[in-house]
Amino acid sequence: MSQGVTTSIRLSNELRSHLEKVAQSVHRGKNWIITKALEEYLDKIEKNSLLEEARRQSLLASQSDQKMDDWEQNTDTSGWI
């Protein structure tokens, strides 16, 4: 892992205590746990954003198909070759 930057966060006493207990039980540092949790959270948000965009585009495509069907049904093409 490359050298990172230092940042600070404010934790409630309960969350800090929970973090310390988990760090001791899994024999990992608090920084490692926070970094892993943040990575997983950000990945989840990114995947959810992609899923939402796929849903949005799917909805738009289905509406576009419906508009095309309406156009075909409501257009007089009898004079077309």
N, C-alpha and C. Protein backbone atom coordinates (compact mmCIF):
# COMPACT_ATOMS: atom_id res chain seq x y z
N MET A 1 0.85 -1.18 0.00
CA MET A 1 0.00 0.00 0.00
C MET A 1 0.89 1.24 0.00
N SER A 2 0.59 2.19 -0.85
CA SER A 2 1.41 3.40 -0.94
C SER A 2 1.14 4.31 0.26
N GLN A 3 2.09 5.18 0.50
CA GLN A 3 1.96 6.14 1.59
C GLN A 3 0.78 7.05 1.30
N GLY A 4 -0.10 7.24 2.26
CA GLY A 4 -1.28 8.06 2.08
C GLY A 4 -1.14 9.39 2.78
N VAL A 5 -2.24 10.07 2.86
CA VAL A 5 -2.29 11.34 3.56
C VAL A 5 -3.04 11.14 4.87
N THR A 6 -2.75 11.99 5.80
CA THR A 6 -3.41 11.92 7.10
C THR A 6 -4.61 12.84 7.10
N THR A 7 -5.71 12.34 7.65
CA THR A 7 -6.91 13.16 7.80
C THR A 7 -7.48 12.87 9.18
N SER A 8 -8.36 13.71 9.62
CA SER A 8 -8.97 13.46 10.92
C SER A 8 -10.48 13.38 10.77
N ILE A 9 -11.08 12.59 11.62
CA ILE A 9 -12.54 12.45 11.64
C ILE A 9 -13.01 12.52 13.08
N ARG A 10 -14.24 12.89 13.25
CA ARG A 10 -14.82 12.96 14.57
C ARG A 10 -15.74 11.75 14.73
N LEU A 11 -15.50 10.97 15.79
CA LEU A 11 -16.31 9.80 16.09
C LEU A 11 -17.01 9.98 17.41
N SER A 12 -18.19 9.41 17.51
CA SER A 12 -18.86 9.40 18.82
C SER A 12 -18.05 8.48 19.74
N ASN A 13 -18.22 8.65 21.03
CA ASN A 13 -17.51 7.79 21.98
C ASN A 13 -17.87 6.33 21.77
N GLU A 14 -19.14 6.08 21.47
CA GLU A 14 -19.60 4.70 21.26
C GLU A 14 -18.93 4.08 20.03
N LEU A 15 -18.86 4.84 18.94
CA LEU A 15 -18.25 4.33 17.72
C LEU A 15 -16.75 4.12 17.91
N ARG A 16 -16.10 5.04 18.58
CA ARG A 16 -14.66 4.91 18.85
C ARG A 16 -14.39 3.66 19.68
N SER A 17 -15.20 3.45 20.71
CA SER A 17 -15.04 2.28 21.56
C SER A 17 -15.27 0.99 20.78
N HIS A 18 -16.29 0.98 19.95
CA HIS A 18 -16.58 -0.19 19.12
C HIS A 18 -15.43 -0.46 18.16
N LEU A 19 -14.91 0.58 17.54
CA LEU A 19 -13.78 0.45 16.64
C LEU A 19 -12.57 -0.13 17.34
N GLU A 20 -12.27 0.35 18.52
CA GLU A 20 -11.12 -0.15 19.27
C GLU A 20 -11.28 -1.62 19.63
N LYS A 21 -12.48 -2.02 20.04
CA LYS A 21 -12.72 -3.43 20.39
C LYS A 21 -12.58 -4.33 19.18
N VAL A 22 -13.12 -3.91 18.06
CA VAL A 22 -13.02 -4.72 16.84
C VAL A 22 -11.57 -4.79 16.38
N ALA A 23 -10.85 -3.68 16.43
CA ALA A 23 -9.45 -3.67 16.02
C ALA A 23 -8.64 -4.67 16.85
N GLN A 24 -8.89 -4.70 18.13
CA GLN A 24 -8.18 -5.64 19.00
C GLN A 24 -8.56 -7.08 18.68
N SER A 25 -9.85 -7.31 18.43
CA SER A 25 -10.31 -8.68 18.21
C SER A 25 -9.83 -9.26 16.88
N VAL A 26 -9.67 -8.43 15.86
CA VAL A 26 -9.22 -8.93 14.56
C VAL A 26 -7.73 -8.69 14.34
N HIS A 27 -7.06 -8.14 15.35
CA HIS A 27 -5.62 -7.89 15.30
C HIS A 27 -5.23 -7.02 14.10
N ARG A 28 -6.00 -5.99 13.91
CA ARG A 28 -5.74 -5.00 12.87
C ARG A 28 -5.76 -3.61 13.50
N GLY A 29 -5.15 -2.67 12.81
CA GLY A 29 -5.16 -1.31 13.30
C GLY A 29 -6.48 -0.62 12.98
N LYS A 30 -6.77 0.41 13.75
CA LYS A 30 -8.01 1.18 13.51
C LYS A 30 -7.99 1.80 12.12
N ASN A 31 -6.82 2.27 11.69
CA ASN A 31 -6.70 2.86 10.37
C ASN A 31 -7.08 1.85 9.28
N TRP A 32 -6.61 0.60 9.42
CA TRP A 32 -6.91 -0.44 8.43
C TRP A 32 -8.42 -0.66 8.34
N ILE A 33 -9.07 -0.76 9.51
CA ILE A 33 -10.52 -0.99 9.54
C ILE A 33 -11.27 0.17 8.91
N ILE A 34 -10.90 1.37 9.26
CA ILE A 34 -11.58 2.55 8.71
C ILE A 34 -11.37 2.62 7.20
N THR A 35 -10.15 2.38 6.75
CA THR A 35 -9.86 2.42 5.31
C THR A 35 -10.66 1.38 4.55
N LYS A 36 -10.68 0.13 5.05
CA LYS A 36 -11.45 -0.93 4.40
C LYS A 36 -12.94 -0.59 4.37
N ALA A 37 -13.45 -0.10 5.49
CA ALA A 37 -14.87 0.24 5.55
C ALA A 37 -15.21 1.35 4.56
N LEU A 38 -14.35 2.34 4.46
CA LEU A 38 -14.58 3.45 3.54
C LEU A 38 -14.49 2.99 2.09
N GLU A 39 -13.52 2.14 1.79
CA GLU A 39 -13.41 1.60 0.42
C GLU A 39 -14.67 0.83 0.03
N GLU A 40 -15.14 -0.04 0.93
CA GLU A 40 -16.34 -0.83 0.64
C GLU A 40 -17.56 0.07 0.48
N TYR A 41 -17.68 1.07 1.34
CA TYR A 41 -18.82 1.99 1.27
C TYR A 41 -18.81 2.76 -0.05
N LEU A 42 -17.65 3.27 -0.44
CA LEU A 42 -17.56 4.04 -1.69
C LEU A 42 -17.83 3.15 -2.90
N ASP A 43 -17.32 1.92 -2.88
CA ASP A 43 -17.62 0.98 -3.98
C ASP A 43 -19.12 0.72 -4.07
N LYS A 44 -19.75 0.53 -2.92
CA LYS A 44 -21.19 0.27 -2.89
C LYS A 44 -21.96 1.46 -3.47
N ILE A 45 -21.58 2.66 -3.08
CA ILE A 45 -22.25 3.86 -3.60
C ILE A 45 -22.06 3.97 -5.10
N GLU A 46 -20.84 3.70 -5.57
CA GLU A 46 -20.56 3.78 -7.00
C GLU A 46 -21.39 2.75 -7.77
N LYS A 47 -21.47 1.54 -7.26
CA LYS A 47 -22.27 0.50 -7.92
C LYS A 47 -23.75 0.86 -7.91
N ASN A 48 -24.22 1.43 -6.81
CA ASN A 48 -25.61 1.86 -6.75
C ASN A 48 -25.89 2.98 -7.74
N SER A 49 -24.93 3.89 -7.91
CA SER A 49 -25.09 4.97 -8.88
C SER A 49 -25.17 4.41 -10.29
N LEU A 50 -24.32 3.43 -10.59
CA LEU A 50 -24.35 2.81 -11.91
C LEU A 50 -25.66 2.06 -12.13
N LEU A 51 -26.14 1.39 -11.09
CA LEU A 51 -27.40 0.67 -11.17
C LEU A 51 -28.56 1.64 -11.42
N GLU A 52 -28.55 2.74 -10.70
CA GLU A 52 -29.60 3.75 -10.89
C GLU A 52 -29.57 4.32 -12.30
N GLU A 53 -28.37 4.57 -12.83
CA GLU A 53 -28.26 5.09 -14.19
C GLU A 53 -28.76 4.06 -15.20
N ALA A 54 -28.44 2.78 -14.98
CA ALA A 54 -28.93 1.73 -15.87
C ALA A 54 -30.45 1.67 -15.84
N ARG A 55 -31.02 1.79 -14.64
CA ARG A 55 -32.48 1.78 -14.51
C ARG A 55 -33.10 2.98 -15.23
N ARG A 56 -32.46 4.15 -15.06
CA ARG A 56 -32.97 5.36 -15.69
C ARG A 56 -32.96 5.21 -17.21
N GLN A 57 -31.85 4.70 -17.73
CA GLN A 57 -31.75 4.53 -19.18
C GLN A 57 -32.71 3.47 -19.69
N SER A 58 -32.91 2.43 -18.91
CA SER A 58 -33.86 1.39 -19.30
C SER A 58 -35.28 1.96 -19.36
N LEU A 59 -35.61 2.78 -18.38
CA LEU A 59 -36.93 3.42 -18.36
C LEU A 59 -37.09 4.34 -19.56
N LEU A 60 -36.07 5.13 -19.86
CA LEU A 60 -36.13 6.02 -21.02
C LEU A 60 -36.28 5.22 -22.31
N ALA A 61 -35.55 4.12 -22.42
CA ALA A 61 -35.63 3.30 -23.63
C ALA A 61 -37.02 2.69 -23.77
N SER A 62 -37.61 2.25 -22.66
CA SER A 62 -38.95 1.66 -22.75
C SER A 62 -39.98 2.72 -23.12
N GLN A 63 -39.80 3.94 -22.63
CA GLN A 63 -40.72 5.02 -23.00
C GLN A 63 -40.54 5.38 -24.46
N SER A 64 -39.30 5.34 -24.92
CA SER A 64 -39.03 5.65 -26.32
C SER A 64 -39.66 4.60 -27.23
N ASP A 65 -39.58 3.33 -26.83
CA ASP A 65 -40.21 2.25 -27.61
C ASP A 65 -41.71 2.46 -27.67
N GLN A 66 -42.32 2.87 -26.55
CA GLN A 66 -43.76 3.11 -26.51
C GLN A 66 -44.14 4.26 -27.44
N LYS A 67 -43.32 5.32 -27.43
CA LYS A 67 -43.59 6.45 -28.32
C LYS A 67 -43.51 6.02 -29.77
N MET A 68 -42.54 5.16 -30.10
CA MET A 68 -42.40 4.67 -31.47
C MET A 68 -43.62 3.84 -31.85
N ASP A 69 -44.09 2.99 -30.92
CA ASP A 69 -45.29 2.19 -31.19
C ASP A 69 -46.49 3.11 -31.43
N ASP A 70 -46.64 4.14 -30.61
CA ASP A 70 -47.73 5.10 -30.78
C ASP A 70 -47.63 5.79 -32.13
N TRP A 71 -46.45 6.17 -32.52
CA TRP A 71 -46.24 6.85 -33.80
C TRP A 71 -46.66 5.94 -34.94
N GLU A 72 -46.22 4.68 -34.87
CA GLU A 72 -46.54 3.75 -35.94
C GLU A 72 -48.05 3.49 -36.03
N GLN A 73 -48.72 3.44 -34.90
CA GLN A 73 -50.16 3.16 -34.88
C GLN A 73 -50.98 4.38 -35.27
N ASN A 74 -50.51 5.56 -35.00
CA ASN A 74 -51.29 6.78 -35.20
C ASN A 74 -50.90 7.57 -36.45
N THR A 75 -50.06 7.00 -37.28
CA THR A 75 -49.60 7.71 -38.46
C THR A 75 -50.21 7.07 -39.72
N ASP A 76 -50.73 7.93 -40.59
CA ASP A 76 -51.30 7.44 -41.85
C ASP A 76 -50.16 7.28 -42.84
N THR A 77 -49.81 6.04 -43.11
CA THR A 77 -48.73 5.76 -44.06
C THR A 77 -49.28 5.16 -45.35
N SER A 78 -50.58 5.31 -45.59
CA SER A 78 -51.20 4.67 -46.75
C SER A 78 -50.65 5.20 -48.08
N GLY A 79 -50.17 6.43 -48.13
CA GLY A 79 -49.64 6.99 -49.35
C GLY A 79 -48.18 6.69 -49.57
N TRP A 80 -47.56 6.04 -48.62
CA TRP A 80 -46.13 5.75 -48.73
C TRP A 80 -45.91 4.54 -49.62
N ILE A 81 -44.83 4.53 -50.29
CA ILE A 81 -44.50 3.40 -51.17
C ILE A 81 -43.89 2.29 -50.36
